[in-house]
Amino acid sequence: MKWRLAILTMFLLLWAGSAFGQGCAMCYSSARGATKDGQRAISRGVLVLLIPPVGFMTLGFGMAMRYSKKRDQDNGQDNDQDNDQNDDRVDGQEG
């Protein structure tokens, strides 16, 4: 399973490699030709556009981790109750 995941990841990285270079020359020359205030505005604009997706991903990851911990605790309690009932049956008592 790990091997398949590694191959899939490598394939996706190599496949998307050409997309990383799309339009970079034009954006770079446009930003390079701007004034210092314009360059600062571009940098702030990038940060403003980056904050919401990163925030949503962080929130989603946090909620998923919280749910998984709660689910694991609930499953652990259920397993403990099942084990206790099985132990009682082994001892000759009905649960």
PDB file of N, CA and C in Angstrom:
ATOM      1  N   MET A   1       0.821  -1.190   0.000  1.00  0.00           N
ATOM      2  CA  MET A   1       0.000   0.000   0.000  1.00  0.00           C
ATOM      3  C   MET A   1       0.867   1.257   0.000  1.00  0.00           C
ATOM      4  N   LYS A   2       1.926   1.232   0.793  1.00  0.00           N
ATOM      5  CA  LYS A   2       2.817   2.393   0.839  1.00  0.00           C
ATOM      6  C   LYS A   2       3.504   2.599  -0.508  1.00  0.00           C
ATOM      7  N   TRP A   3       3.832   1.488  -1.153  1.00  0.00           N
ATOM      8  CA  TRP A   3       4.499   1.556  -2.452  1.00  0.00           C
ATOM      9  C   TRP A   3       3.588   2.209  -3.483  1.00  0.00           C
ATOM     10  N   ARG A   4       2.312   1.832  -3.480  1.00  0.00           N
ATOM     11  CA  ARG A   4       1.351   2.431  -4.421  1.00  0.00           C
ATOM     12  C   ARG A   4       1.185   3.917  -4.159  1.00  0.00           C
ATOM     13  N   LEU A   5       1.129   4.293  -2.883  1.00  0.00           N
ATOM     14  CA  LEU A   5       0.994   5.703  -2.534  1.00  0.00           C
ATOM     15  C   LEU A   5       2.216   6.495  -3.001  1.00  0.00           C
ATOM     16  N   ALA A   6       3.395   5.926  -2.837  1.00  0.00           N
ATOM     17  CA  ALA A   6       4.620   6.597  -3.279  1.00  0.00           C
ATOM     18  C   ALA A   6       4.629   6.771  -4.797  1.00  0.00           C
ATOM     19  N   ILE A   7       4.216   5.740  -5.526  1.00  0.00           N
ATOM     20  CA  ILE A   7       4.173   5.836  -6.989  1.00  0.00           C
ATOM     21  C   ILE A   7       3.150   6.871  -7.430  1.00  0.00           C
ATOM     22  N   LEU A   8       1.984   6.873  -6.806  1.00  0.00           N
ATOM     23  CA  LEU A   8       0.949   7.849  -7.145  1.00  0.00           C
ATOM     24  C   LEU A   8       1.415   9.272  -6.870  1.00  0.00           C
ATOM     25  N   THR A   9       2.054   9.474  -5.737  1.00  0.00           N
ATOM     26  CA  THR A   9       2.557  10.805  -5.384  1.00  0.00           C
ATOM     27  C   THR A   9       3.611  11.264  -6.383  1.00  0.00           C
ATOM     28  N   MET A  10       4.522  10.386  -6.737  1.00  0.00           N
ATOM     29  CA  MET A  10       5.571  10.735  -7.694  1.00  0.00           C
ATOM     30  C   MET A  10       4.968  11.056  -9.059  1.00  0.00           C
ATOM     31  N   PHE A  11       3.988  10.269  -9.478  1.00  0.00           N
ATOM     32  CA  PHE A  11       3.328  10.513 -10.759  1.00  0.00           C
ATOM     33  C   PHE A  11       2.650  11.880 -10.769  1.00  0.00           C
ATOM     34  N   LEU A  12       1.934  12.216  -9.694  1.00  0.00           N
ATOM     35  CA  LEU A  12       1.245  13.505  -9.638  1.00  0.00           C
ATOM     36  C   LEU A  12       2.219  14.674  -9.629  1.00  0.00           C
ATOM     37  N   LEU A  13       3.328  14.519  -8.916  1.00  0.00           N
ATOM     38  CA  LEU A  13       4.323  15.598  -8.885  1.00  0.00           C
ATOM     39  C   LEU A  13       4.958  15.803 -10.258  1.00  0.00           C
ATOM     40  N   LEU A  14       5.274  14.716 -10.937  1.00  0.00           N
ATOM     41  CA  LEU A  14       5.877  14.845 -12.266  1.00  0.00           C
ATOM     42  C   LEU A  14       4.872  15.357 -13.292  1.00  0.00           C
ATOM     43  N   TRP A  15       3.616  14.960 -13.143  1.00  0.00           N
ATOM     44  CA  TRP A  15       2.584  15.372 -14.075  1.00  0.00           C
ATOM     45  C   TRP A  15       2.280  16.866 -13.925  1.00  0.00           C
ATOM     46  N   ALA A  16       2.294  17.376 -12.716  1.00  0.00           N
ATOM     47  CA  ALA A  16       1.958  18.774 -12.462  1.00  0.00           C
ATOM     48  C   ALA A  16       3.169  19.694 -12.610  1.00  0.00           C
ATOM     49  N   GLY A  17       4.333  19.137 -12.851  1.00  0.00           N
ATOM     50  CA  GLY A  17       5.539  19.950 -12.946  1.00  0.00           C
ATOM     51  C   GLY A  17       5.464  21.028 -14.009  1.00  0.00           C
ATOM     52  N   SER A  18       4.884  20.720 -15.154  1.00  0.00           N
ATOM     53  CA  SER A  18       4.810  21.714 -16.219  1.00  0.00           C
ATOM     54  C   SER A  18       3.838  22.843 -15.865  1.00  0.00           C
ATOM     55  N   ALA A  19       2.870  22.564 -14.994  1.00  0.00           N
ATOM     56  CA  ALA A  19       1.903  23.598 -14.609  1.00  0.00           C
ATOM     57  C   ALA A  19       2.539  24.659 -13.721  1.00  0.00           C
ATOM     58  N   PHE A  20       3.610  24.305 -13.003  1.00  0.00           N
ATOM     59  CA  PHE A  20       4.236  25.272 -12.112  1.00  0.00           C
ATOM     60  C   PHE A  20       4.909  26.406 -12.878  1.00  0.00           C
ATOM     61  N   GLY A  21       5.262  26.195 -14.119  1.00  0.00           N
ATOM     62  CA  GLY A  21       5.939  27.209 -14.907  1.00  0.00           C
ATOM     63  C   GLY A  21       5.010  28.056 -15.759  1.00  0.00           C
ATOM     64  N   GLN A  22       3.718  27.846 -15.709  1.00  0.00           N
ATOM     65  CA  GLN A  22       2.776  28.568 -16.561  1.00  0.00           C
ATOM     66  C   GLN A  22       2.670  30.035 -16.153  1.00  0.00           C
ATOM     67  N   GLY A  23       2.995  30.926 -17.059  1.00  0.00           N
ATOM     68  CA  GLY A  23       2.796  32.353 -16.858  1.00  0.00           C
ATOM     69  C   GLY A  23       3.770  33.017 -15.911  1.00  0.00           C
ATOM     70  N   CYS A  24       4.770  32.324 -15.437  1.00  0.00           N
ATOM     71  CA  CYS A  24       5.671  32.909 -14.448  1.00  0.00           C
ATOM     72  C   CYS A  24       6.496  34.053 -15.022  1.00  0.00           C
ATOM     73  N   ALA A  25       6.887  33.950 -16.270  1.00  0.00           N
ATOM     74  CA  ALA A  25       7.728  34.991 -16.861  1.00  0.00           C
ATOM     75  C   ALA A  25       6.978  36.314 -16.939  1.00  0.00           C
ATOM     76  N   MET A  26       5.734  36.276 -17.333  1.00  0.00           N
ATOM     77  CA  MET A  26       4.950  37.504 -17.442  1.00  0.00           C
ATOM     78  C   MET A  26       4.669  38.097 -16.064  1.00  0.00           C
ATOM     79  N   CYS A  27       4.307  37.262 -15.111  1.00  0.00           N
ATOM     80  CA  CYS A  27       4.036  37.763 -13.759  1.00  0.00           C
ATOM     81  C   CYS A  27       5.301  38.345 -13.143  1.00  0.00           C
ATOM     82  N   TYR A  28       6.413  37.650 -13.331  1.00  0.00           N
ATOM     83  CA  TYR A  28       7.674  38.119 -12.767  1.00  0.00           C
ATOM     84  C   TYR A  28       8.076  39.465 -13.357  1.00  0.00           C
ATOM     85  N   SER A  29       7.980  39.602 -14.670  1.00  0.00           N
ATOM     86  CA  SER A  29       8.391  40.873 -15.295  1.00  0.00           C
ATOM     87  C   SER A  29       7.443  41.994 -14.917  1.00  0.00           C
ATOM     88  N   SER A  30       6.164  41.698 -14.774  1.00  0.00           N
ATOM     89  CA  SER A  30       5.190  42.711 -14.369  1.00  0.00           C
ATOM     90  C   SER A  30       5.459  43.176 -12.944  1.00  0.00           C
ATOM     91  N   ALA A  31       5.715  42.254 -12.053  1.00  0.00           N
ATOM     92  CA  ALA A  31       5.989  42.609 -10.664  1.00  0.00           C
ATOM     93  C   ALA A  31       7.338  43.311 -10.534  1.00  0.00           C
ATOM     94  N   ARG A  32       8.294  42.884 -11.333  1.00  0.00           N
ATOM     95  CA  ARG A  32       9.628  43.483 -11.284  1.00  0.00           C
ATOM     96  C   ARG A  32       9.590  44.933 -11.776  1.00  0.00           C
ATOM     97  N   GLY A  33       8.714  45.215 -12.742  1.00  0.00           N
ATOM     98  CA  GLY A  33       8.616  46.565 -13.287  1.00  0.00           C
ATOM     99  C   GLY A  33       7.796  47.510 -12.432  1.00  0.00           C
ATOM    100  N   ALA A  34       7.123  46.992 -11.422  1.00  0.00           N
ATOM    101  CA  ALA A  34       6.301  47.842 -10.559  1.00  0.00           C
ATOM    102  C   ALA A  34       7.189  48.607  -9.578  1.00  0.00           C
ATOM    103  N   THR A  35       6.607  49.656  -9.037  1.00  0.00           N
ATOM    104  CA  THR A  35       7.329  50.439  -8.032  1.00  0.00           C
ATOM    105  C   THR A  35       7.414  49.625  -6.738  1.00  0.00           C
ATOM    106  N   LYS A  36       8.172  50.141  -5.788  1.00  0.00           N
ATOM    107  CA  LYS A  36       8.301  49.454  -4.497  1.00  0.00           C
ATOM    108  C   LYS A  36       6.946  49.333  -3.805  1.00  0.00           C
ATOM    109  N   ASP A  37       6.132  50.388  -3.892  1.00  0.00           N
ATOM    110  CA  ASP A  37       4.785  50.326  -3.300  1.00  0.00           C
ATOM    111  C   ASP A  37       3.930  49.284  -4.024  1.00  0.00           C
ATOM    112  N   GLY A  38       4.083  49.200  -5.330  1.00  0.00           N
ATOM    113  CA  GLY A  38       3.341  48.201  -6.096  1.00  0.00           C
ATOM    114  C   GLY A  38       3.765  46.785  -5.738  1.00  0.00           C
ATOM    115  N   GLN A  39       5.075  46.590  -5.548  1.00  0.00           N
ATOM    116  CA  GLN A  39       5.573  45.271  -5.155  1.00  0.00           C
ATOM    117  C   GLN A  39       5.071  44.894  -3.763  1.00  0.00           C
ATOM    118  N   ARG A  40       5.027  45.876  -2.876  1.00  0.00           N
ATOM    119  CA  ARG A  40       4.511  45.624  -1.532  1.00  0.00           C
ATOM    120  C   ARG A  40       3.021  45.287  -1.587  1.00  0.00           C
ATOM    121  N   ALA A  41       2.286  45.955  -2.463  1.00  0.00           N
ATOM    122  CA  ALA A  41       0.857  45.668  -2.620  1.00  0.00           C
ATOM    123  C   ALA A  41       0.636  44.263  -3.182  1.00  0.00           C
ATOM    124  N   ILE A  42       1.485  43.850  -4.118  1.00  0.00           N
ATOM    125  CA  ILE A  42       1.377  42.497  -4.670  1.00  0.00           C
ATOM    126  C   ILE A  42       1.650  41.461  -3.579  1.00  0.00           C
ATOM    127  N   SER A  43       2.671  41.706  -2.766  1.00  0.00           N
ATOM    128  CA  SER A  43       2.993  40.773  -1.680  1.00  0.00           C
ATOM    129  C   SER A  43       1.843  40.672  -0.682  1.00  0.00           C
ATOM    130  N   ARG A  44       1.258  41.806  -0.338  1.00  0.00           N
ATOM    131  CA  ARG A  44       0.119  41.788   0.594  1.00  0.00           C
ATOM    132  C   ARG A  44      -1.090  41.109  -0.041  1.00  0.00           C
ATOM    133  N   GLY A  45      -1.286  41.327  -1.319  1.00  0.00           N
ATOM    134  CA  GLY A  45      -2.397  40.678  -2.015  1.00  0.00           C
ATOM    135  C   GLY A  45      -2.256  39.172  -2.020  1.00  0.00           C
ATOM    136  N   VAL A  46      -1.036  38.694  -2.207  1.00  0.00           N
ATOM    137  CA  VAL A  46      -0.794  37.252  -2.172  1.00  0.00           C
ATOM    138  C   VAL A  46      -1.124  36.708  -0.791  1.00  0.00           C
ATOM    139  N   LEU A  47      -0.705  37.406   0.243  1.00  0.00           N
ATOM    140  CA  LEU A  47      -1.007  36.958   1.606  1.00  0.00           C
ATOM    141  C   LEU A  47      -2.504  36.978   1.887  1.00  0.00           C
ATOM    142  N   VAL A  48      -3.193  38.018   1.430  1.00  0.00           N
ATOM    143  CA  VAL A  48      -4.634  38.108   1.648  1.00  0.00           C
ATOM    144  C   VAL A  48      -5.346  36.951   0.950  1.00  0.00           C
ATOM    145  N   LEU A  49      -4.901  36.597  -0.248  1.00  0.00           N
ATOM    146  CA  LEU A  49      -5.512  35.481  -0.974  1.00  0.00           C
ATOM    147  C   LEU A  49      -5.117  34.120  -0.409  1.00  0.00           C
ATOM    148  N   LEU A  50      -4.009  34.058   0.318  1.00  0.00           N
ATOM    149  CA  LEU A  50      -3.533  32.803   0.868  1.00  0.00           C
ATOM    150  C   LEU A  50      -4.159  32.473   2.223  1.00  0.00           C
ATOM    151  N   ILE A  51      -4.506  33.482   3.006  1.00  0.00           N
ATOM    152  CA  ILE A  51      -4.992  33.259   4.375  1.00  0.00           C
ATOM    153  C   ILE A  51      -6.290  32.454   4.430  1.00  0.00           C
ATOM    154  N   PRO A  52      -7.341  32.749   3.663  1.00  0.00           N
ATOM    155  CA  PRO A  52      -8.577  31.956   3.797  1.00  0.00           C
ATOM    156  C   PRO A  52      -8.419  30.466   3.500  1.00  0.00           C
ATOM    157  N   PRO A  53      -7.763  30.050   2.413  1.00  0.00           N
ATOM    158  CA  PRO A  53      -7.634  28.605   2.199  1.00  0.00           C
ATOM    159  C   PRO A  53      -6.824  27.907   3.286  1.00  0.00           C
ATOM    160  N   VAL A  54      -5.759  28.552   3.739  1.00  0.00           N
ATOM    161  CA  VAL A  54      -4.947  27.952   4.798  1.00  0.00           C
ATOM    162  C   VAL A  54      -5.762  27.865   6.084  1.00  0.00           C
ATOM    163  N   GLY A  55      -6.557  28.891   6.366  1.00  0.00           N
ATOM    164  CA  GLY A  55      -7.405  28.869   7.555  1.00  0.00           C
ATOM    165  C   GLY A  55      -8.442  27.769   7.498  1.00  0.00           C
ATOM    166  N   PHE A  56      -9.085  27.615   6.349  1.00  0.00           N
ATOM    167  CA  PHE A  56     -10.088  26.555   6.202  1.00  0.00           C
ATOM    168  C   PHE A  56      -9.458  25.171   6.305  1.00  0.00           C
ATOM    169  N   MET A  57      -8.293  24.988   5.709  1.00  0.00           N
ATOM    170  CA  MET A  57      -7.632  23.693   5.791  1.00  0.00           C
ATOM    171  C   MET A  57      -7.209  23.385   7.228  1.00  0.00           C
ATOM    172  N   THR A  58      -6.716  24.385   7.946  1.00  0.00           N
ATOM    173  CA  THR A  58      -6.323  24.187   9.329  1.00  0.00           C
ATOM    174  C   THR A  58      -7.535  23.846  10.183  1.00  0.00           C
ATOM    175  N   LEU A  59      -8.624  24.562   9.979  1.00  0.00           N
ATOM    176  CA  LEU A  59      -9.853  24.288  10.713  1.00  0.00           C
ATOM    177  C   LEU A  59     -10.380  22.890  10.406  1.00  0.00           C
ATOM    178  N   GLY A  60     -10.398  22.520   9.136  1.00  0.00           N
ATOM    179  CA  GLY A  60     -10.863  21.193   8.755  1.00  0.00           C
ATOM    180  C   GLY A  60      -9.991  20.092   9.328  1.00  0.00           C
ATOM    181  N   PHE A  61      -8.682  20.275   9.300  1.00  0.00           N
ATOM    182  CA  PHE A  61      -7.768  19.285   9.864  1.00  0.00           C
ATOM    183  C   PHE A  61      -7.968  19.162  11.369  1.00  0.00           C
ATOM    184  N   GLY A  62      -8.120  20.297  12.036  1.00  0.00           N
ATOM    185  CA  GLY A  62      -8.346  20.275  13.482  1.00  0.00           C
ATOM    186  C   GLY A  62      -9.641  19.567  13.844  1.00  0.00           C
ATOM    187  N   MET A  63     -10.695  19.836  13.084  1.00  0.00           N
ATOM    188  CA  MET A  63     -11.970  19.177  13.355  1.00  0.00           C
ATOM    189  C   MET A  63     -11.877  17.671  13.087  1.00  0.00           C
ATOM    190  N   ALA A  64     -11.159  17.279  12.045  1.00  0.00           N
ATOM    191  CA  ALA A  64     -10.996  15.857  11.743  1.00  0.00           C
ATOM    192  C   ALA A  64     -10.216  15.156  12.852  1.00  0.00           C
ATOM    193  N   MET A  65      -9.174  15.792  13.347  1.00  0.00           N
ATOM    194  CA  MET A  65      -8.397  15.196  14.437  1.00  0.00           C
ATOM    195  C   MET A  65      -9.234  15.078  15.706  1.00  0.00           C
ATOM    196  N   ARG A  66     -10.019  16.110  15.988  1.00  0.00           N
ATOM    197  CA  ARG A  66     -10.877  16.084  17.173  1.00  0.00           C
ATOM    198  C   ARG A  66     -11.917  14.969  17.062  1.00  0.00           C
ATOM    199  N   TYR A  67     -12.512  14.820  15.898  1.00  0.00           N
ATOM    200  CA  TYR A  67     -13.504  13.772  15.677  1.00  0.00           C
ATOM    201  C   TYR A  67     -12.869  12.392  15.812  1.00  0.00           C
ATOM    202  N   SER A  68     -11.665  12.236  15.246  1.00  0.00           N
ATOM    203  CA  SER A  68     -11.027  10.917  15.295  1.00  0.00           C
ATOM    204  C   SER A  68     -10.665  10.538  16.725  1.00  0.00           C
ATOM    205  N   LYS A  69     -10.219  11.494  17.532  1.00  0.00           N
ATOM    206  CA  LYS A  69      -9.901  11.188  18.930  1.00  0.00           C
ATOM    207  C   LYS A  69     -11.159  10.798  19.692  1.00  0.00           C
ATOM    208  N   LYS A  70     -12.254  11.528  19.451  1.00  0.00           N
ATOM    209  CA  LYS A  70     -13.506  11.207  20.126  1.00  0.00           C
ATOM    210  C   LYS A  70     -14.004   9.830  19.692  1.00  0.00           C
ATOM    211  N   ARG A  71     -13.914   9.528  18.403  1.00  0.00           N
ATOM    212  CA  ARG A  71     -14.341   8.239  17.894  1.00  0.00           C
ATOM    213  C   ARG A  71     -13.508   7.115  18.480  1.00  0.00           C
ATOM    214  N   ASP A  72     -12.198   7.326  18.585  1.00  0.00           N
ATOM    215  CA  ASP A  72     -11.329   6.311  19.152  1.00  0.00           C
ATOM    216  C   ASP A  72     -11.642   6.073  20.626  1.00  0.00           C
ATOM    217  N   GLN A  73     -11.938   7.143  21.359  1.00  0.00           N
ATOM    218  CA  GLN A  73     -12.295   6.987  22.767  1.00  0.00           C
ATOM    219  C   GLN A  73     -13.610   6.230  22.901  1.00  0.00           C
ATOM    220  N   ASP A  74     -14.585   6.555  22.060  1.00  0.00           N
ATOM    221  CA  ASP A  74     -15.868   5.858  22.105  1.00  0.00           C
ATOM    222  C   ASP A  74     -15.702   4.384  21.746  1.00  0.00           C
ATOM    223  N   ASN A  75     -14.900   4.093  20.739  1.00  0.00           N
ATOM    224  CA  ASN A  75     -14.651   2.710  20.347  1.00  0.00           C
ATOM    225  C   ASN A  75     -13.905   1.961  21.442  1.00  0.00           C
ATOM    226  N   GLY A  76     -12.999   2.642  22.121  1.00  0.00           N
ATOM    227  CA  GLY A  76     -12.263   2.012  23.217  1.00  0.00           C
ATOM    228  C   GLY A  76     -13.181   1.651  24.367  1.00  0.00           C
ATOM    229  N   GLN A  77     -14.151   2.514  24.682  1.00  0.00           N
ATOM    230  CA  GLN A  77     -15.101   2.232  25.757  1.00  0.00           C
ATOM    231  C   GLN A  77     -16.008   1.081  25.355  1.00  0.00           C
ATOM    232  N   ASP A  78     -16.433   1.054  24.095  1.00  0.00           N
ATOM    233  CA  ASP A  78     -17.288  -0.035  23.622  1.00  0.00           C
ATOM    234  C   ASP A  78     -16.542  -1.362  23.689  1.00  0.00           C
ATOM    235  N   ASN A  79     -15.275  -1.360  23.295  1.00  0.00           N
ATOM    236  CA  ASN A  79     -14.486  -2.584  23.336  1.00  0.00           C
ATOM    237  C   ASN A  79     -14.276  -3.049  24.776  1.00  0.00           C
ATOM    238  N   ASP A  80     -14.075  -2.093  25.699  1.00  0.00           N
ATOM    239  CA  ASP A  80     -13.901  -2.454  27.096  1.00  0.00           C
ATOM    240  C   ASP A  80     -15.173  -3.099  27.638  1.00  0.00           C
ATOM    241  N   GLN A  81     -16.334  -2.576  27.293  1.00  0.00           N
ATOM    242  CA  GLN A  81     -17.603  -3.140  27.753  1.00  0.00           C
ATOM    243  C   GLN A  81     -17.808  -4.531  27.161  1.00  0.00           C
ATOM    244  N   ASP A  82     -17.473  -4.710  25.885  1.00  0.00           N
ATOM    245  CA  ASP A  82     -17.609  -6.017  25.247  1.00  0.00           C
ATOM    246  C   ASP A  82     -16.680  -7.030  25.905  1.00  0.00           C
ATOM    247  N   ASN A  83     -15.456  -6.603  26.214  1.00  0.00           N
ATOM    248  CA  ASN A  83     -14.504  -7.503  26.863  1.00  0.00           C
ATOM    249  C   ASN A  83     -14.987  -7.889  28.261  1.00  0.00           C
ATOM    250  N   ASP A  84     -15.567  -6.923  28.999  1.00  0.00           N
ATOM    251  CA  ASP A  84     -16.085  -7.228  30.328  1.00  0.00           C
ATOM    252  C   ASP A  84     -17.218  -8.242  30.246  1.00  0.00           C
ATOM    253  N   GLN A  85     -18.100  -8.096  29.272  1.00  0.00           N
ATOM    254  CA  GLN A  85     -19.208  -9.029  29.113  1.00  0.00           C
ATOM    255  C   GLN A  85     -18.690 -10.413  28.742  1.00  0.00           C
ATOM    256  N   ASN A  86     -17.689 -10.476  27.891  1.00  0.00           N
ATOM    257  CA  ASN A  86     -17.105 -11.762  27.507  1.00  0.00           C
ATOM    258  C   ASN A  86     -16.423 -12.425  28.700  1.00  0.00           C
ATOM    259  N   ASP A  87     -15.758 -11.644  29.548  1.00  0.00           N
ATOM    260  CA  ASP A  87     -15.110 -12.188  30.739  1.00  0.00           C
ATOM    261  C   ASP A  87     -16.147 -12.763  31.694  1.00  0.00           C
ATOM    262  N   ASP A  88     -17.297 -12.072  31.821  1.00  0.00           N
ATOM    263  CA  ASP A  88     -18.357 -12.562  32.698  1.00  0.00           C
ATOM    264  C   ASP A  88     -18.908 -13.885  32.190  1.00  0.00           C
ATOM    265  N   ARG A  89     -19.049 -14.016  30.913  1.00  0.00           N
ATOM    266  CA  ARG A  89     -19.583 -15.254  30.337  1.00  0.00           C
ATOM    267  C   ARG A  89     -18.614 -16.423  30.546  1.00  0.00           C
ATOM    268  N   VAL A  90     -17.317 -16.136  30.483  1.00  0.00           N
ATOM    269  CA  VAL A  90     -16.304 -17.160  30.686  1.00  0.00           C
ATOM    270  C   VAL A  90     -16.364 -17.660  32.127  1.00  0.00           C
ATOM    271  N   ASP A  91     -16.622 -16.757  33.066  1.00  0.00           N
ATOM    272  CA  ASP A  91     -16.693 -17.114  34.487  1.00  0.00           C
ATOM    273  C   ASP A  91     -17.970 -17.872  34.825  1.00  0.00           C
ATOM    274  N   GLY A  92     -18.877 -17.983  33.887  1.00  0.00           N
ATOM    275  CA  GLY A  92     -20.111 -18.723  34.133  1.00  0.00           C
ATOM    276  C   GLY A  92     -21.304 -17.835  34.454  1.00  0.00           C
ATOM    277  N   GLN A  93     -21.114 -16.550  34.417  1.00  0.00           N
ATOM    278  CA  GLN A  93     -22.202 -15.628  34.691  1.00  0.00           C
ATOM    279  C   GLN A  93     -22.748 -15.125  33.366  1.00  0.00           C
ATOM    280  N   GLU A  94     -24.016 -14.914  33.323  1.00  0.00           N
ATOM    281  CA  GLU A  94     -24.650 -14.362  32.127  1.00  0.00           C
ATOM    282  C   GLU A  94     -24.626 -12.842  32.205  1.00  0.00           C
ATOM    283  N   GLY A  95     -24.333 -12.167  31.064  1.00  0.00           N
ATOM    284  CA  GLY A  95     -24.236 -10.716  31.051  1.00  0.00           C
ATOM    285  C   GLY A  95     -25.461 -10.081  30.691  1.00  0.00           C
TER     286      GLY A  95
END
